[in-house]
Amino acid sequence: MLYGNFPFHANDVTKLEKLILTGKYELPNEISFEAKDLLARILDSNPSTRLSIAEIYAHSWMQDIDYSSIT
């Protein structure tokens, strides 16, 4: 959503699934540190350390968003 591409890239579904389950992905250098940090913590393959919805909203990258216009 930030860059118009998915973070996981593979030539077949089996390889794609492995990348997703292991949390191996690449992000473009143009994405800010804060955005990379947020994505890394959302895409964490360990459910116990992955960010919750409340933690996502509290993340520094999310602080400048005006939620009043979102229905």
PDB file of N, CA and C in Angstrom:
ATOM      1  N   MET A   1       0.819  -1.192   0.000  1.00  0.00           N
ATOM      2  CA  MET A   1       0.000   0.000   0.000  1.00  0.00           C
ATOM      3  C   MET A   1       0.866   1.261   0.000  1.00  0.00           C
ATOM      4  N   LEU A   2       2.033   1.181   0.576  1.00  0.00           N
ATOM      5  CA  LEU A   2       2.920   2.343   0.595  1.00  0.00           C
ATOM      6  C   LEU A   2       3.612   2.556  -0.734  1.00  0.00           C
ATOM      7  N   TYR A   3       3.884   1.465  -1.415  1.00  0.00           N
ATOM      8  CA  TYR A   3       4.725   1.549  -2.601  1.00  0.00           C
ATOM      9  C   TYR A   3       4.082   0.932  -3.841  1.00  0.00           C
ATOM     10  N   GLY A   4       2.894   0.382  -3.704  1.00  0.00           N
ATOM     11  CA  GLY A   4       2.186  -0.184  -4.842  1.00  0.00           C
ATOM     12  C   GLY A   4       2.602  -1.597  -5.195  1.00  0.00           C
ATOM     13  N   ASN A   5       3.321  -2.265  -4.294  1.00  0.00           N
ATOM     14  CA  ASN A   5       3.752  -3.643  -4.515  1.00  0.00           C
ATOM     15  C   ASN A   5       3.609  -4.431  -3.233  1.00  0.00           C
ATOM     16  N   PHE A   6       3.483  -5.738  -3.368  1.00  0.00           N
ATOM     17  CA  PHE A   6       3.490  -6.609  -2.206  1.00  0.00           C
ATOM     18  C   PHE A   6       4.925  -6.784  -1.721  1.00  0.00           C
ATOM     19  N   PRO A   7       5.142  -6.983  -0.419  1.00  0.00           N
ATOM     20  CA  PRO A   7       6.508  -7.163   0.074  1.00  0.00           C
ATOM     21  C   PRO A   7       7.088  -8.539  -0.244  1.00  0.00           C
ATOM     22  N   PHE A   8       6.226  -9.508  -0.543  1.00  0.00           N
ATOM     23  CA  PHE A   8       6.686 -10.870  -0.828  1.00  0.00           C
ATOM     24  C   PHE A   8       6.634 -11.126  -2.324  1.00  0.00           C
ATOM     25  N   HIS A   9       7.733 -11.640  -2.885  1.00  0.00           N
ATOM     26  CA  HIS A   9       7.808 -11.935  -4.314  1.00  0.00           C
ATOM     27  C   HIS A   9       8.371 -13.338  -4.517  1.00  0.00           C
ATOM     28  N   ALA A  10       7.681 -14.145  -5.311  1.00  0.00           N
ATOM     29  CA  ALA A  10       8.153 -15.493  -5.628  1.00  0.00           C
ATOM     30  C   ALA A  10       7.552 -15.923  -6.960  1.00  0.00           C
ATOM     31  N   ASN A  11       8.188 -16.917  -7.580  1.00  0.00           N
ATOM     32  CA  ASN A  11       7.754 -17.399  -8.883  1.00  0.00           C
ATOM     33  C   ASN A  11       6.627 -18.424  -8.812  1.00  0.00           C
ATOM     34  N   ASP A  12       6.410 -19.011  -7.625  1.00  0.00           N
ATOM     35  CA  ASP A  12       5.303 -19.956  -7.496  1.00  0.00           C
ATOM     36  C   ASP A  12       4.703 -19.865  -6.095  1.00  0.00           C
ATOM     37  N   VAL A  13       3.539 -20.444  -5.928  1.00  0.00           N
ATOM     38  CA  VAL A  13       2.787 -20.328  -4.690  1.00  0.00           C
ATOM     39  C   VAL A  13       3.519 -20.963  -3.509  1.00  0.00           C
ATOM     40  N   THR A  14       4.179 -22.078  -3.732  1.00  0.00           N
ATOM     41  CA  THR A  14       4.894 -22.759  -2.657  1.00  0.00           C
ATOM     42  C   THR A  14       6.005 -21.872  -2.103  1.00  0.00           C
ATOM     43  N   LYS A  15       6.772 -21.261  -2.983  1.00  0.00           N
ATOM     44  CA  LYS A  15       7.850 -20.367  -2.539  1.00  0.00           C
ATOM     45  C   LYS A  15       7.284 -19.123  -1.867  1.00  0.00           C
ATOM     46  N   LEU A  16       6.185 -18.610  -2.407  1.00  0.00           N
ATOM     47  CA  LEU A  16       5.544 -17.447  -1.820  1.00  0.00           C
ATOM     48  C   LEU A  16       5.057 -17.755  -0.400  1.00  0.00           C
ATOM     49  N   GLU A  17       4.436 -18.898  -0.235  1.00  0.00           N
ATOM     50  CA  GLU A  17       3.965 -19.301   1.089  1.00  0.00           C
ATOM     51  C   GLU A  17       5.122 -19.398   2.078  1.00  0.00           C
ATOM     52  N   LYS A  18       6.239 -19.976   1.647  1.00  0.00           N
ATOM     53  CA  LYS A  18       7.410 -20.099   2.515  1.00  0.00           C
ATOM     54  C   LYS A  18       7.931 -18.720   2.926  1.00  0.00           C
ATOM     55  N   LEU A  19       7.986 -17.789   1.986  1.00  0.00           N
ATOM     56  CA  LEU A  19       8.441 -16.430   2.302  1.00  0.00           C
ATOM     57  C   LEU A  19       7.519 -15.765   3.321  1.00  0.00           C
ATOM     58  N   ILE A  20       6.219 -15.919   3.132  1.00  0.00           N
ATOM     59  CA  ILE A  20       5.252 -15.313   4.043  1.00  0.00           C
ATOM     60  C   ILE A  20       5.375 -15.922   5.438  1.00  0.00           C
ATOM     61  N   LEU A  21       5.436 -17.238   5.517  1.00  0.00           N
ATOM     62  CA  LEU A  21       5.499 -17.917   6.814  1.00  0.00           C
ATOM     63  C   LEU A  21       6.798 -17.644   7.557  1.00  0.00           C
ATOM     64  N   THR A  22       7.880 -17.430   6.830  1.00  0.00           N
ATOM     65  CA  THR A  22       9.156 -17.138   7.485  1.00  0.00           C
ATOM     66  C   THR A  22       9.395 -15.647   7.653  1.00  0.00           C
ATOM     67  N   GLY A  23       8.535 -14.833   7.055  1.00  0.00           N
ATOM     68  CA  GLY A  23       8.661 -13.384   7.199  1.00  0.00           C
ATOM     69  C   GLY A  23       9.822 -12.791   6.435  1.00  0.00           C
ATOM     70  N   LYS A  24      10.172 -13.404   5.313  1.00  0.00           N
ATOM     71  CA  LYS A  24      11.286 -12.891   4.506  1.00  0.00           C
ATOM     72  C   LYS A  24      10.736 -12.053   3.362  1.00  0.00           C
ATOM     73  N   TYR A  25      11.110 -10.776   3.364  1.00  0.00           N
ATOM     74  CA  TYR A  25      10.619  -9.849   2.348  1.00  0.00           C
ATOM     75  C   TYR A  25      11.632  -8.727   2.179  1.00  0.00           C
ATOM     76  N   GLU A  26      11.447  -7.958   1.136  1.00  0.00           N
ATOM     77  CA  GLU A  26      12.302  -6.808   0.878  1.00  0.00           C
ATOM     78  C   GLU A  26      11.432  -5.578   0.679  1.00  0.00           C
ATOM     79  N   LEU A  27      11.902  -4.459   1.209  1.00  0.00           N
ATOM     80  CA  LEU A  27      11.209  -3.187   1.041  1.00  0.00           C
ATOM     81  C   LEU A  27      12.125  -2.218   0.308  1.00  0.00           C
ATOM     82  N   PRO A  28      11.566  -1.344  -0.508  1.00  0.00           N
ATOM     83  CA  PRO A  28      12.387  -0.367  -1.223  1.00  0.00           C
ATOM     84  C   PRO A  28      13.069   0.603  -0.256  1.00  0.00           C
ATOM     85  N   ASN A  29      14.236   1.088  -0.632  1.00  0.00           N
ATOM     86  CA  ASN A  29      14.972   2.039   0.194  1.00  0.00           C
ATOM     87  C   ASN A  29      14.230   3.354   0.377  1.00  0.00           C
ATOM     88  N   GLU A  30      13.331   3.683  -0.541  1.00  0.00           N
ATOM     89  CA  GLU A  30      12.620   4.960  -0.498  1.00  0.00           C
ATOM     90  C   GLU A  30      11.615   5.053   0.649  1.00  0.00           C
ATOM     91  N   ILE A  31      11.269   3.933   1.242  1.00  0.00           N
ATOM     92  CA  ILE A  31      10.312   3.926   2.348  1.00  0.00           C
ATOM     93  C   ILE A  31      11.034   4.378   3.614  1.00  0.00           C
ATOM     94  N   SER A  32      10.394   5.248   4.379  1.00  0.00           N
ATOM     95  CA  SER A  32      11.013   5.803   5.581  1.00  0.00           C
ATOM     96  C   SER A  32      11.304   4.727   6.626  1.00  0.00           C
ATOM     97  N   PHE A  33      12.212   5.062   7.544  1.00  0.00           N
ATOM     98  CA  PHE A  33      12.549   4.140   8.628  1.00  0.00           C
ATOM     99  C   PHE A  33      11.304   3.791   9.445  1.00  0.00           C
ATOM    100  N   GLU A  34      10.480   4.810   9.749  1.00  0.00           N
ATOM    101  CA  GLU A  34       9.279   4.576  10.555  1.00  0.00           C
ATOM    102  C   GLU A  34       8.312   3.625   9.852  1.00  0.00           C
ATOM    103  N   ALA A  35       8.137   3.802   8.550  1.00  0.00           N
ATOM    104  CA  ALA A  35       7.244   2.921   7.794  1.00  0.00           C
ATOM    105  C   ALA A  35       7.810   1.505   7.748  1.00  0.00           C
ATOM    106  N   LYS A  36       9.123   1.371   7.541  1.00  0.00           N
ATOM    107  CA  LYS A  36       9.746   0.037   7.539  1.00  0.00           C
ATOM    108  C   LYS A  36       9.588  -0.638   8.884  1.00  0.00           C
ATOM    109  N   ASP A  37       9.758   0.132   9.954  1.00  0.00           N
ATOM    110  CA  ASP A  37       9.604  -0.424  11.295  1.00  0.00           C
ATOM    111  C   ASP A  37       8.179  -0.927  11.512  1.00  0.00           C
ATOM    112  N   LEU A  38       7.196  -0.116  11.131  1.00  0.00           N
ATOM    113  CA  LEU A  38       5.803  -0.518  11.275  1.00  0.00           C
ATOM    114  C   LEU A  38       5.510  -1.780  10.484  1.00  0.00           C
ATOM    115  N   LEU A  39       5.934  -1.819   9.230  1.00  0.00           N
ATOM    116  CA  LEU A  39       5.684  -3.004   8.397  1.00  0.00           C
ATOM    117  C   LEU A  39       6.376  -4.245   8.971  1.00  0.00           C
ATOM    118  N   ALA A  40       7.602  -4.097   9.429  1.00  0.00           N
ATOM    119  CA  ALA A  40       8.325  -5.237  10.009  1.00  0.00           C
ATOM    120  C   ALA A  40       7.588  -5.788  11.221  1.00  0.00           C
ATOM    121  N   ARG A  41       7.030  -4.898  12.021  1.00  0.00           N
ATOM    122  CA  ARG A  41       6.340  -5.330  13.222  1.00  0.00           C
ATOM    123  C   ARG A  41       4.944  -5.879  12.923  1.00  0.00           C
ATOM    124  N   ILE A  42       4.321  -5.427  11.832  1.00  0.00           N
ATOM    125  CA  ILE A  42       3.037  -5.992  11.402  1.00  0.00           C
ATOM    126  C   ILE A  42       3.250  -7.365  10.756  1.00  0.00           C
ATOM    127  N   LEU A  43       4.312  -7.493   9.980  1.00  0.00           N
ATOM    128  CA  LEU A  43       4.585  -8.735   9.254  1.00  0.00           C
ATOM    129  C   LEU A  43       5.400  -9.735  10.073  1.00  0.00           C
ATOM    130  N   ASP A  44       5.590  -9.479  11.342  1.00  0.00           N
ATOM    131  CA  ASP A  44       6.315 -10.382  12.238  1.00  0.00           C
ATOM    132  C   ASP A  44       5.667 -11.760  12.177  1.00  0.00           C
ATOM    133  N   SER A  45       6.448 -12.785  11.903  1.00  0.00           N
ATOM    134  CA  SER A  45       5.891 -14.139  11.780  1.00  0.00           C
ATOM    135  C   SER A  45       5.550 -14.760  13.129  1.00  0.00           C
ATOM    136  N   ASN A  46       5.967 -14.136  14.214  1.00  0.00           N
ATOM    137  CA  ASN A  46       5.655 -14.635  15.551  1.00  0.00           C
ATOM    138  C   ASN A  46       4.415 -13.901  16.084  1.00  0.00           C
ATOM    139  N   PRO A  47       3.298 -14.592  16.205  1.00  0.00           N
ATOM    140  CA  PRO A  47       2.065 -13.936  16.649  1.00  0.00           C
ATOM    141  C   PRO A  47       2.170 -13.280  18.023  1.00  0.00           C
ATOM    142  N   SER A  48       3.015 -13.799  18.896  1.00  0.00           N
ATOM    143  CA  SER A  48       3.104 -13.234  20.248  1.00  0.00           C
ATOM    144  C   SER A  48       3.868 -11.910  20.283  1.00  0.00           C
ATOM    145  N   THR A  49       4.667 -11.621  19.262  1.00  0.00           N
ATOM    146  CA  THR A  49       5.397 -10.347  19.221  1.00  0.00           C
ATOM    147  C   THR A  49       4.882  -9.418  18.121  1.00  0.00           C
ATOM    148  N   ARG A  50       3.968  -9.896  17.286  1.00  0.00           N
ATOM    149  CA  ARG A  50       3.368  -9.079  16.228  1.00  0.00           C
ATOM    150  C   ARG A  50       2.515  -7.978  16.858  1.00  0.00           C
ATOM    151  N   LEU A  51       2.473  -6.820  16.223  1.00  0.00           N
ATOM    152  CA  LEU A  51       1.699  -5.703  16.752  1.00  0.00           C
ATOM    153  C   LEU A  51       0.199  -5.990  16.731  1.00  0.00           C
ATOM    154  N   SER A  52      -0.468  -5.519  17.763  1.00  0.00           N
ATOM    155  CA  SER A  52      -1.930  -5.570  17.802  1.00  0.00           C
ATOM    156  C   SER A  52      -2.462  -4.357  17.039  1.00  0.00           C
ATOM    157  N   ILE A  53      -3.754  -4.319  16.804  1.00  0.00           N
ATOM    158  CA  ILE A  53      -4.364  -3.172  16.126  1.00  0.00           C
ATOM    159  C   ILE A  53      -4.107  -1.894  16.928  1.00  0.00           C
ATOM    160  N   ALA A  54      -4.280  -1.955  18.242  1.00  0.00           N
ATOM    161  CA  ALA A  54      -4.046  -0.781  19.091  1.00  0.00           C
ATOM    162  C   ALA A  54      -2.592  -0.316  18.986  1.00  0.00           C
ATOM    163  N   GLU A  55      -1.655  -1.255  18.943  1.00  0.00           N
ATOM    164  CA  GLU A  55      -0.236  -0.900  18.817  1.00  0.00           C
ATOM    165  C   GLU A  55       0.072  -0.311  17.451  1.00  0.00           C
ATOM    166  N   ILE A  56      -0.616  -0.789  16.426  1.00  0.00           N
ATOM    167  CA  ILE A  56      -0.436  -0.217  15.081  1.00  0.00           C
ATOM    168  C   ILE A  56      -0.881   1.244  15.089  1.00  0.00           C
ATOM    169  N   TYR A  57      -2.056   1.518  15.635  1.00  0.00           N
ATOM    170  CA  TYR A  57      -2.550   2.895  15.704  1.00  0.00           C
ATOM    171  C   TYR A  57      -1.643   3.790  16.546  1.00  0.00           C
ATOM    172  N   ALA A  58      -0.974   3.231  17.551  1.00  0.00           N
ATOM    173  CA  ALA A  58      -0.100   4.007  18.433  1.00  0.00           C
ATOM    174  C   ALA A  58       1.297   4.211  17.859  1.00  0.00           C
ATOM    175  N   HIS A  59       1.635   3.502  16.795  1.00  0.00           N
ATOM    176  CA  HIS A  59       2.976   3.595  16.207  1.00  0.00           C
ATOM    177  C   HIS A  59       3.244   5.019  15.716  1.00  0.00           C
ATOM    178  N   SER A  60       4.487   5.457  15.791  1.00  0.00           N
ATOM    179  CA  SER A  60       4.862   6.825  15.409  1.00  0.00           C
ATOM    180  C   SER A  60       4.506   7.155  13.966  1.00  0.00           C
ATOM    181  N   TRP A  61       4.576   6.200  13.056  1.00  0.00           N
ATOM    182  CA  TRP A  61       4.256   6.469  11.652  1.00  0.00           C
ATOM    183  C   TRP A  61       2.782   6.801  11.468  1.00  0.00           C
ATOM    184  N   MET A  62       1.939   6.307  12.358  1.00  0.00           N
ATOM    185  CA  MET A  62       0.493   6.491  12.249  1.00  0.00           C
ATOM    186  C   MET A  62      -0.001   7.774  12.925  1.00  0.00           C
ATOM    187  N   GLN A  63       0.860   8.518  13.575  1.00  0.00           N
ATOM    188  CA  GLN A  63       0.417   9.640  14.401  1.00  0.00           C
ATOM    189  C   GLN A  63      -0.114  10.835  13.625  1.00  0.00           C
ATOM    190  N   ASP A  64       0.282  11.047  12.403  1.00  0.00           N
ATOM    191  CA  ASP A  64      -0.162  12.213  11.639  1.00  0.00           C
ATOM    192  C   ASP A  64      -1.406  11.950  10.787  1.00  0.00           C
ATOM    193  N   ILE A  65      -2.057  10.830  10.971  1.00  0.00           N
ATOM    194  CA  ILE A  65      -3.240  10.483  10.178  1.00  0.00           C
ATOM    195  C   ILE A  65      -4.496  11.049  10.848  1.00  0.00           C
ATOM    196  N   ASP A  66      -5.327  11.694  10.064  1.00  0.00           N
ATOM    197  CA  ASP A  66      -6.600  12.219  10.558  1.00  0.00           C
ATOM    198  C   ASP A  66      -7.659  11.133  10.391  1.00  0.00           C
ATOM    199  N   TYR A  67      -8.011  10.484  11.472  1.00  0.00           N
ATOM    200  CA  TYR A  67      -8.969   9.380  11.445  1.00  0.00           C
ATOM    201  C   TYR A  67     -10.412   9.861  11.391  1.00  0.00           C
ATOM    202  N   SER A  68     -10.654  11.147  11.573  1.00  0.00           N
ATOM    203  CA  SER A  68     -12.026  11.649  11.608  1.00  0.00           C
ATOM    204  C   SER A  68     -12.740  11.520  10.270  1.00  0.00           C
ATOM    205  N   SER A  69     -11.989  11.473   9.174  1.00  0.00           N
ATOM    206  CA  SER A  69     -12.608  11.355   7.855  1.00  0.00           C
ATOM    207  C   SER A  69     -12.822   9.910   7.412  1.00  0.00           C
ATOM    208  N   ILE A  70     -12.385   8.973   8.232  1.00  0.00           N
ATOM    209  CA  ILE A  70     -12.524   7.545   7.905  1.00  0.00           C
ATOM    210  C   ILE A  70     -13.814   7.024   8.532  1.00  0.00           C
ATOM    211  N   THR A  71     -14.629   6.382   7.702  1.00  0.00           N
ATOM    212  CA  THR A  71     -15.889   5.842   8.230  1.00  0.00           C
ATOM    213  C   THR A  71     -15.793   4.376   8.486  1.00  0.00           C
TER     214      THR A  71
END
